[in-house]
N, C-alpha and C. Protein backbone atom coordinates (compact mmCIF):
# COMPACT_ATOMS: atom_id res chain seq x y z
N MET A 1 0.84 -1.18 0.00
CA MET A 1 0.00 0.00 0.00
C MET A 1 0.89 1.25 0.00
N MET A 2 0.57 2.18 -0.89
CA MET A 2 1.37 3.40 -0.99
C MET A 2 0.84 4.45 -0.01
N LYS A 3 1.76 5.22 0.54
CA LYS A 3 1.38 6.24 1.51
C LYS A 3 0.87 7.50 0.86
N ILE A 4 1.24 7.72 -0.41
CA ILE A 4 0.76 8.89 -1.16
C ILE A 4 0.06 8.39 -2.41
N ARG A 5 -1.14 8.90 -2.66
CA ARG A 5 -1.94 8.46 -3.79
C ARG A 5 -2.38 9.64 -4.65
N LYS A 6 -2.89 9.30 -5.83
CA LYS A 6 -3.44 10.30 -6.74
C LYS A 6 -4.63 10.98 -6.08
N GLY A 7 -4.69 12.30 -6.18
CA GLY A 7 -5.80 13.06 -5.61
C GLY A 7 -5.52 13.61 -4.23
N ASP A 8 -4.44 13.17 -3.57
CA ASP A 8 -4.09 13.68 -2.24
C ASP A 8 -3.56 15.10 -2.34
N GLU A 9 -3.81 15.88 -1.30
CA GLU A 9 -3.23 17.22 -1.23
C GLU A 9 -1.92 17.12 -0.47
N VAL A 10 -0.84 17.60 -1.09
CA VAL A 10 0.48 17.47 -0.47
C VAL A 10 1.13 18.84 -0.31
N TYR A 11 2.15 18.86 0.54
CA TYR A 11 2.93 20.05 0.86
C TYR A 11 4.35 19.77 0.40
N ILE A 12 4.96 20.71 -0.31
CA ILE A 12 6.32 20.54 -0.81
C ILE A 12 7.30 20.90 0.30
N LEU A 13 8.21 19.96 0.63
CA LEU A 13 9.14 20.15 1.74
C LEU A 13 10.46 20.80 1.34
N THR A 14 10.96 20.50 0.13
CA THR A 14 12.26 21.03 -0.29
C THR A 14 12.21 21.49 -1.73
N GLY A 15 13.24 22.21 -2.14
CA GLY A 15 13.36 22.65 -3.52
C GLY A 15 12.89 24.07 -3.74
N LYS A 16 12.83 24.45 -5.02
CA LYS A 16 12.48 25.83 -5.36
C LYS A 16 11.02 26.16 -5.04
N ASP A 17 10.16 25.14 -4.93
CA ASP A 17 8.75 25.36 -4.62
C ASP A 17 8.40 25.02 -3.17
N LYS A 18 9.38 25.08 -2.28
CA LYS A 18 9.18 24.74 -0.87
C LYS A 18 8.06 25.59 -0.28
N GLY A 19 7.14 24.94 0.43
CA GLY A 19 6.04 25.65 1.08
C GLY A 19 4.76 25.66 0.27
N LYS A 20 4.81 25.26 -0.99
CA LYS A 20 3.60 25.25 -1.82
C LYS A 20 2.77 24.00 -1.54
N ARG A 21 1.47 24.12 -1.81
CA ARG A 21 0.57 22.97 -1.70
C ARG A 21 -0.04 22.69 -3.06
N GLY A 22 -0.34 21.44 -3.30
CA GLY A 22 -0.95 21.07 -4.56
C GLY A 22 -1.53 19.67 -4.50
N LYS A 23 -2.32 19.35 -5.52
CA LYS A 23 -2.96 18.05 -5.61
C LYS A 23 -2.12 17.14 -6.50
N ILE A 24 -2.02 15.87 -6.14
CA ILE A 24 -1.25 14.91 -6.92
C ILE A 24 -2.04 14.52 -8.16
N LEU A 25 -1.41 14.70 -9.33
CA LEU A 25 -2.03 14.35 -10.60
C LEU A 25 -1.71 12.93 -11.02
N LYS A 26 -0.47 12.48 -10.70
CA LYS A 26 -0.02 11.17 -11.15
C LYS A 26 1.07 10.67 -10.22
N VAL A 27 1.07 9.35 -9.97
CA VAL A 27 2.11 8.71 -9.19
C VAL A 27 2.83 7.72 -10.09
N VAL A 28 4.18 7.82 -10.14
CA VAL A 28 4.98 6.90 -10.94
C VAL A 28 5.74 6.00 -9.97
N PRO A 29 5.21 4.78 -9.69
CA PRO A 29 5.83 3.94 -8.66
C PRO A 29 7.22 3.43 -9.02
N ALA A 30 7.51 3.23 -10.30
CA ALA A 30 8.82 2.69 -10.69
C ALA A 30 9.95 3.64 -10.33
N SER A 31 9.75 4.94 -10.51
CA SER A 31 10.80 5.91 -10.22
C SER A 31 10.58 6.63 -8.88
N GLU A 32 9.53 6.26 -8.16
CA GLU A 32 9.19 6.87 -6.87
C GLU A 32 8.98 8.36 -6.98
N LYS A 33 8.36 8.81 -8.06
CA LYS A 33 8.10 10.24 -8.26
C LYS A 33 6.61 10.50 -8.37
N VAL A 34 6.23 11.74 -8.08
CA VAL A 34 4.84 12.17 -8.17
C VAL A 34 4.77 13.45 -8.98
N LEU A 35 3.64 13.65 -9.64
CA LEU A 35 3.38 14.86 -10.41
C LEU A 35 2.38 15.69 -9.61
N VAL A 36 2.80 16.88 -9.17
CA VAL A 36 1.97 17.73 -8.33
C VAL A 36 1.49 18.92 -9.15
N GLU A 37 0.20 19.23 -9.04
CA GLU A 37 -0.42 20.30 -9.82
C GLU A 37 0.17 21.66 -9.45
N GLY A 38 0.71 22.37 -10.46
CA GLY A 38 1.22 23.72 -10.28
C GLY A 38 2.57 23.82 -9.59
N VAL A 39 3.29 22.70 -9.45
CA VAL A 39 4.58 22.69 -8.76
C VAL A 39 5.65 22.15 -9.69
N ASN A 40 6.88 22.68 -9.59
CA ASN A 40 8.02 22.27 -10.39
C ASN A 40 7.73 22.44 -11.88
N MET A 41 7.28 23.63 -12.25
CA MET A 41 6.92 23.93 -13.64
C MET A 41 8.18 24.06 -14.50
N ILE A 42 8.14 23.45 -15.69
CA ILE A 42 9.22 23.54 -16.65
C ILE A 42 8.66 24.00 -17.98
N LYS A 43 9.55 24.50 -18.86
CA LYS A 43 9.13 24.92 -20.20
C LYS A 43 9.65 23.92 -21.20
N ARG A 44 8.76 23.42 -22.03
CA ARG A 44 9.10 22.42 -23.03
C ARG A 44 8.93 23.04 -24.40
N HIS A 45 10.01 23.09 -25.20
CA HIS A 45 9.95 23.64 -26.54
C HIS A 45 9.53 22.53 -27.50
N THR A 46 8.43 22.74 -28.21
CA THR A 46 7.94 21.72 -29.14
C THR A 46 8.10 22.22 -30.58
N LYS A 47 8.48 21.29 -31.45
CA LYS A 47 8.62 21.62 -32.86
C LYS A 47 7.26 21.58 -33.53
N PRO A 48 7.09 22.35 -34.61
CA PRO A 48 5.83 22.25 -35.35
C PRO A 48 5.75 20.92 -36.09
N ASN A 49 4.53 20.39 -36.19
CA ASN A 49 4.31 19.13 -36.88
C ASN A 49 3.33 19.38 -38.02
N PRO A 50 3.81 19.44 -39.26
CA PRO A 50 2.92 19.78 -40.37
C PRO A 50 1.89 18.70 -40.69
N THR A 51 2.17 17.45 -40.34
CA THR A 51 1.19 16.39 -40.64
C THR A 51 -0.05 16.49 -39.77
N THR A 52 0.12 16.88 -38.52
CA THR A 52 -1.05 17.04 -37.65
C THR A 52 -1.53 18.48 -37.59
N GLY A 53 -0.74 19.40 -38.11
CA GLY A 53 -1.14 20.81 -38.11
C GLY A 53 -0.83 21.50 -36.79
N ALA A 54 -0.03 20.86 -35.92
CA ALA A 54 0.30 21.46 -34.63
C ALA A 54 1.41 22.49 -34.81
N PRO A 55 1.18 23.72 -34.31
CA PRO A 55 2.22 24.74 -34.42
C PRO A 55 3.30 24.53 -33.37
N GLY A 56 4.49 25.06 -33.63
CA GLY A 56 5.56 25.01 -32.65
C GLY A 56 5.29 26.03 -31.55
N SER A 57 5.61 25.67 -30.34
CA SER A 57 5.35 26.59 -29.24
C SER A 57 6.18 26.20 -28.02
N ILE A 58 6.07 27.01 -26.98
CA ILE A 58 6.70 26.72 -25.70
C ILE A 58 5.59 26.36 -24.74
N VAL A 59 5.60 25.12 -24.26
CA VAL A 59 4.55 24.62 -23.37
C VAL A 59 5.09 24.57 -21.95
N GLU A 60 4.33 25.10 -21.02
CA GLU A 60 4.73 25.05 -19.62
C GLU A 60 3.95 23.93 -18.94
N LYS A 61 4.68 23.00 -18.30
CA LYS A 61 4.01 21.85 -17.67
C LYS A 61 4.75 21.45 -16.40
N GLU A 62 4.10 20.56 -15.62
CA GLU A 62 4.68 20.10 -14.37
C GLU A 62 5.71 19.01 -14.63
N ALA A 63 6.79 19.03 -13.85
CA ALA A 63 7.79 17.97 -13.89
C ALA A 63 7.64 17.15 -12.61
N PRO A 64 8.01 15.87 -12.65
CA PRO A 64 7.87 15.03 -11.45
C PRO A 64 8.78 15.47 -10.30
N VAL A 65 8.32 15.21 -9.08
CA VAL A 65 9.05 15.49 -7.85
C VAL A 65 9.20 14.17 -7.12
N HIS A 66 10.35 13.94 -6.48
CA HIS A 66 10.54 12.69 -5.73
C HIS A 66 9.59 12.68 -4.54
N ARG A 67 9.07 11.49 -4.23
CA ARG A 67 8.05 11.40 -3.17
C ARG A 67 8.58 11.74 -1.79
N SER A 68 9.90 11.68 -1.60
CA SER A 68 10.48 12.03 -0.30
C SER A 68 10.45 13.54 -0.06
N ASN A 69 10.22 14.31 -1.12
CA ASN A 69 10.19 15.77 -1.00
C ASN A 69 8.79 16.32 -0.80
N VAL A 70 7.80 15.45 -0.61
CA VAL A 70 6.43 15.90 -0.35
C VAL A 70 5.91 15.22 0.91
N ALA A 71 4.98 15.88 1.58
CA ALA A 71 4.32 15.31 2.76
C ALA A 71 2.83 15.53 2.61
N LEU A 72 2.05 14.58 3.07
CA LEU A 72 0.59 14.69 3.00
C LEU A 72 0.12 15.83 3.90
N PHE A 73 -0.81 16.64 3.39
CA PHE A 73 -1.30 17.79 4.14
C PHE A 73 -2.44 17.34 5.05
N ASN A 74 -2.33 17.65 6.34
CA ASN A 74 -3.35 17.31 7.32
C ASN A 74 -4.30 18.49 7.47
N PRO A 75 -5.57 18.37 7.03
CA PRO A 75 -6.49 19.51 7.09
C PRO A 75 -6.89 19.91 8.52
N ASN A 76 -6.81 18.98 9.47
CA ASN A 76 -7.19 19.31 10.85
C ASN A 76 -6.17 20.19 11.54
N THR A 77 -4.88 19.94 11.30
CA THR A 77 -3.83 20.74 11.92
C THR A 77 -3.31 21.83 10.99
N SER A 78 -3.70 21.79 9.72
CA SER A 78 -3.24 22.73 8.68
C SER A 78 -1.73 22.71 8.54
N LYS A 79 -1.13 21.54 8.70
CA LYS A 79 0.30 21.36 8.56
C LYS A 79 0.58 20.08 7.79
N PRO A 80 1.78 19.96 7.21
CA PRO A 80 2.15 18.68 6.59
C PRO A 80 2.38 17.64 7.67
N ASP A 81 2.10 16.39 7.34
CA ASP A 81 2.18 15.33 8.35
C ASP A 81 2.70 14.04 7.73
N ARG A 82 3.35 13.22 8.53
CA ARG A 82 3.78 11.91 8.07
C ARG A 82 2.61 10.94 8.16
N VAL A 83 2.73 9.84 7.41
CA VAL A 83 1.64 8.88 7.32
C VAL A 83 2.17 7.49 7.62
N SER A 84 1.38 6.71 8.37
CA SER A 84 1.70 5.31 8.58
C SER A 84 0.51 4.47 8.13
N ILE A 85 0.74 3.17 8.00
CA ILE A 85 -0.32 2.26 7.57
C ILE A 85 -0.71 1.39 8.75
N LYS A 86 -2.02 1.30 8.98
CA LYS A 86 -2.55 0.56 10.12
C LYS A 86 -3.60 -0.42 9.63
N THR A 87 -3.66 -1.59 10.25
CA THR A 87 -4.67 -2.59 9.90
C THR A 87 -5.80 -2.52 10.92
N LEU A 88 -7.03 -2.38 10.43
CA LEU A 88 -8.19 -2.30 11.31
C LEU A 88 -8.62 -3.71 11.74
N GLU A 89 -9.61 -3.76 12.64
CA GLU A 89 -10.10 -5.04 13.15
C GLU A 89 -10.72 -5.90 12.05
N ASP A 90 -11.34 -5.25 11.07
CA ASP A 90 -11.98 -6.01 9.99
C ASP A 90 -11.00 -6.44 8.89
N GLY A 91 -9.71 -6.16 9.07
CA GLY A 91 -8.70 -6.60 8.11
C GLY A 91 -8.32 -5.58 7.06
N ARG A 92 -9.02 -4.43 7.01
CA ARG A 92 -8.69 -3.39 6.03
C ARG A 92 -7.45 -2.65 6.45
N LYS A 93 -6.64 -2.24 5.46
CA LYS A 93 -5.48 -1.41 5.72
C LYS A 93 -5.84 0.03 5.41
N VAL A 94 -5.54 0.94 6.32
CA VAL A 94 -5.84 2.35 6.12
C VAL A 94 -4.60 3.18 6.43
N ARG A 95 -4.56 4.38 5.85
CA ARG A 95 -3.48 5.33 6.15
C ARG A 95 -3.88 6.17 7.35
N VAL A 96 -2.92 6.45 8.23
CA VAL A 96 -3.18 7.17 9.47
C VAL A 96 -2.14 8.27 9.62
N PHE A 97 -2.57 9.48 10.01
CA PHE A 97 -1.63 10.57 10.30
C PHE A 97 -0.88 10.23 11.58
N LYS A 98 0.44 10.47 11.59
CA LYS A 98 1.26 10.13 12.75
C LYS A 98 1.03 11.08 13.93
N SER A 99 0.68 12.34 13.67
CA SER A 99 0.58 13.32 14.76
C SER A 99 -0.64 13.09 15.64
N ASN A 100 -1.80 12.76 15.02
CA ASN A 100 -3.02 12.63 15.82
C ASN A 100 -3.73 11.29 15.63
N ASN A 101 -3.09 10.33 14.96
CA ASN A 101 -3.65 8.98 14.73
C ASN A 101 -5.03 9.01 14.10
N GLU A 102 -5.29 10.00 13.26
CA GLU A 102 -6.57 10.10 12.58
C GLU A 102 -6.47 9.42 11.21
N VAL A 103 -7.53 8.72 10.84
CA VAL A 103 -7.54 7.97 9.59
C VAL A 103 -7.66 8.92 8.41
N VAL A 104 -6.78 8.74 7.40
CA VAL A 104 -6.81 9.56 6.18
C VAL A 104 -7.91 9.07 5.26
N ASP A 105 -7.97 7.74 5.04
CA ASP A 105 -8.97 7.15 4.15
C ASP A 105 -10.28 6.95 4.89
N VAL A 106 -11.37 7.33 4.23
CA VAL A 106 -12.68 7.16 4.89
C VAL A 106 -13.44 6.05 4.20
């Protein structure tokens, strides 16, 4: 079970975008990276393609961030928080915030 999933709101811990919050758009488990909305923006120069009619342009898009550089945002404390995995009595595994032992998944 992964501690960070698509759709989670995360807080950036390090790098040029330190302190920003954003929603996870994509998780790449093989490289342990995540794509966060509006964070780590890069400019990609694209060539024109005459067969499809696409013009050449400069596209600004998100680049992946390593998962160790993000922390799940805890809405109750309004701070980033670490996450652990706990097994409930019925056998389900859920994510739990370490600071207040509150269940992330409902």
